[in-house]
Protein backbone atom coordinates (compact mmCIF):
# COMPACT_ATOMS: atom_id res chain seq x y z
CA MET A 1 12.74 12.63 11.08
CA THR A 2 13.90 9.96 13.66
CA GLU A 3 14.62 5.98 12.32
CA ALA A 4 11.04 4.88 12.30
CA GLN A 5 10.59 7.32 9.56
CA MET A 6 13.49 6.98 7.88
CA LEU A 7 11.93 4.38 4.88
CA LYS A 8 12.99 1.33 4.51
CA LEU A 9 13.47 -0.40 1.06
CA ASP A 10 12.85 -3.85 -0.31
CA ASP A 11 12.31 -6.25 -2.99
CA GLU A 12 8.16 -4.81 -2.44
CA ASN A 13 8.67 -1.14 -1.49
CA PHE A 14 10.99 0.06 -3.82
CA ASP A 15 10.81 0.33 -7.86
CA GLU A 16 7.30 2.16 -5.62
CA THR A 17 9.45 5.07 -3.82
CA THR A 18 12.12 5.44 -5.83
CA GLY A 19 9.09 6.22 -8.61
CA SER A 20 8.44 9.76 -8.15
CA GLY A 21 10.21 12.58 -6.88
CA VAL A 22 13.74 12.72 -5.77
CA THR A 23 14.61 9.94 -3.09
CA LEU A 24 18.47 9.66 -1.85
CA VAL A 25 18.63 6.03 -0.95
CA ASP A 26 21.16 4.15 1.41
CA PHE A 27 22.36 0.52 -0.09
CA TYR A 28 23.69 -0.33 3.18
CA ALA A 29 24.73 -4.09 5.41
CA ASP A 30 24.33 -4.78 8.73
CA TRP A 31 27.65 -5.77 8.98
CA CYS A 32 29.34 -2.89 7.49
CA GLY A 33 30.72 -0.52 9.70
CA PRO A 34 31.35 3.00 8.02
CA CYS A 35 27.49 1.52 6.89
CA ARG A 36 26.17 1.93 11.08
CA MET A 37 28.27 5.82 11.62
CA LEU A 38 26.85 7.08 8.40
CA ALA A 39 23.29 6.05 9.82
CA PRO A 40 22.51 8.85 12.15
CA VAL A 41 24.16 11.15 9.49
CA LEU A 42 21.49 10.43 6.84
CA GLU A 43 19.02 10.90 9.66
CA GLN A 44 19.98 14.49 9.91
CA VAL A 45 20.06 14.27 6.28
CA ALA A 46 16.64 14.16 5.72
CA THR A 47 15.37 16.03 8.83
CA ASP A 48 17.04 18.94 7.00
CA LEU A 49 15.73 18.17 3.64
CA GLY A 50 12.01 17.57 5.08
CA THR A 51 9.44 16.96 2.20
CA LYS A 52 11.67 17.74 -0.36
CA ALA A 53 13.33 14.79 -1.21
CA LYS A 54 12.86 10.91 0.16
CA VAL A 55 15.83 9.69 2.42
CA GLY A 56 15.31 5.33 3.14
CA LYS A 57 17.41 2.43 3.18
CA LEU A 58 18.25 -0.33 2.02
CA ASP A 59 19.96 -3.90 3.31
CA ILE A 60 22.17 -5.90 0.44
CA ASP A 61 22.26 -8.82 2.01
CA LYS A 62 18.38 -9.11 2.34
CA SER A 63 17.86 -7.79 -1.38
CA HIS A 64 20.20 -8.93 -3.79
CA LYS A 65 18.21 -8.31 -6.61
CA ILE A 66 18.40 -4.42 -6.75
CA ALA A 67 21.57 -3.57 -5.20
CA GLY A 68 23.11 -6.68 -8.10
CA ASN A 69 20.55 -4.60 -10.86
CA PHE A 70 22.51 -1.27 -9.70
CA GLN A 71 25.93 -2.42 -9.62
CA VAL A 72 26.43 -1.85 -5.69
CA THR A 73 29.31 -3.58 -5.45
CA SER A 74 30.50 -1.79 -1.74
CA VAL A 75 29.25 -0.20 1.38
CA PRO A 76 28.24 2.48 2.03
CA THR A 77 26.77 3.15 -1.48
CA MET A 78 24.35 6.37 -2.21
CA ILE A 79 22.29 6.41 -4.82
CA LEU A 80 20.22 9.81 -6.22
CA PHE A 81 16.75 8.61 -7.88
CA LYS A 82 14.63 11.23 -9.86
CA ASP A 83 11.30 9.51 -10.70
CA GLY A 84 12.43 6.35 -10.80
CA LYS A 85 15.65 6.77 -12.72
CA GLU A 86 19.16 6.75 -11.12
CA VAL A 87 20.52 10.52 -11.49
CA ASN A 88 23.99 10.56 -9.17
CA ARG A 89 26.32 8.19 -6.86
CA LEU A 90 28.29 8.27 -3.94
CA VAL A 91 30.52 5.89 -2.04
CA GLY A 92 31.87 5.99 1.27
CA LEU A 93 31.34 7.40 4.58
CA ARG A 94 30.21 11.35 3.89
CA GLU A 95 29.67 14.26 5.93
CA ALA A 96 25.87 15.42 6.32
CA LYS A 97 26.54 18.65 4.31
CA GLU A 98 28.17 16.96 0.97
CA ILE A 99 24.68 15.12 1.05
CA LEU A 100 23.32 17.61 1.30
CA GLU A 101 24.54 19.58 -1.72
CA PHE A 102 24.63 16.47 -3.43
CA VAL A 103 20.30 15.83 -3.13
CA THR A 104 19.67 19.38 -3.67
CA ALA A 105 21.48 19.69 -7.01
CA ALA A 106 18.91 17.58 -8.20
CA LEU A 107 16.08 18.91 -6.76
């Protein structure tokens, strides 16, 4: 999955995207160094997951309301959704293997 295929989430498509199946959402900010370091890791995770789960990114500076609704206070924060409900979260920079295990536990 390339960067173009990584889902870009915002106020308009968040509920629809996370509403069915398993979706990993990276809450990030452009000014966040660890967030930039996490981007290629998440691209690898998305490739490894294929069609088993969706992987998307949500810019907290552009979607304040959603970030606030999920009480995201530090970035990067990865929240795992299953059928629209939060099932787990990871905070901080992580390795691909750990993120894959985190997501596959919910499948």
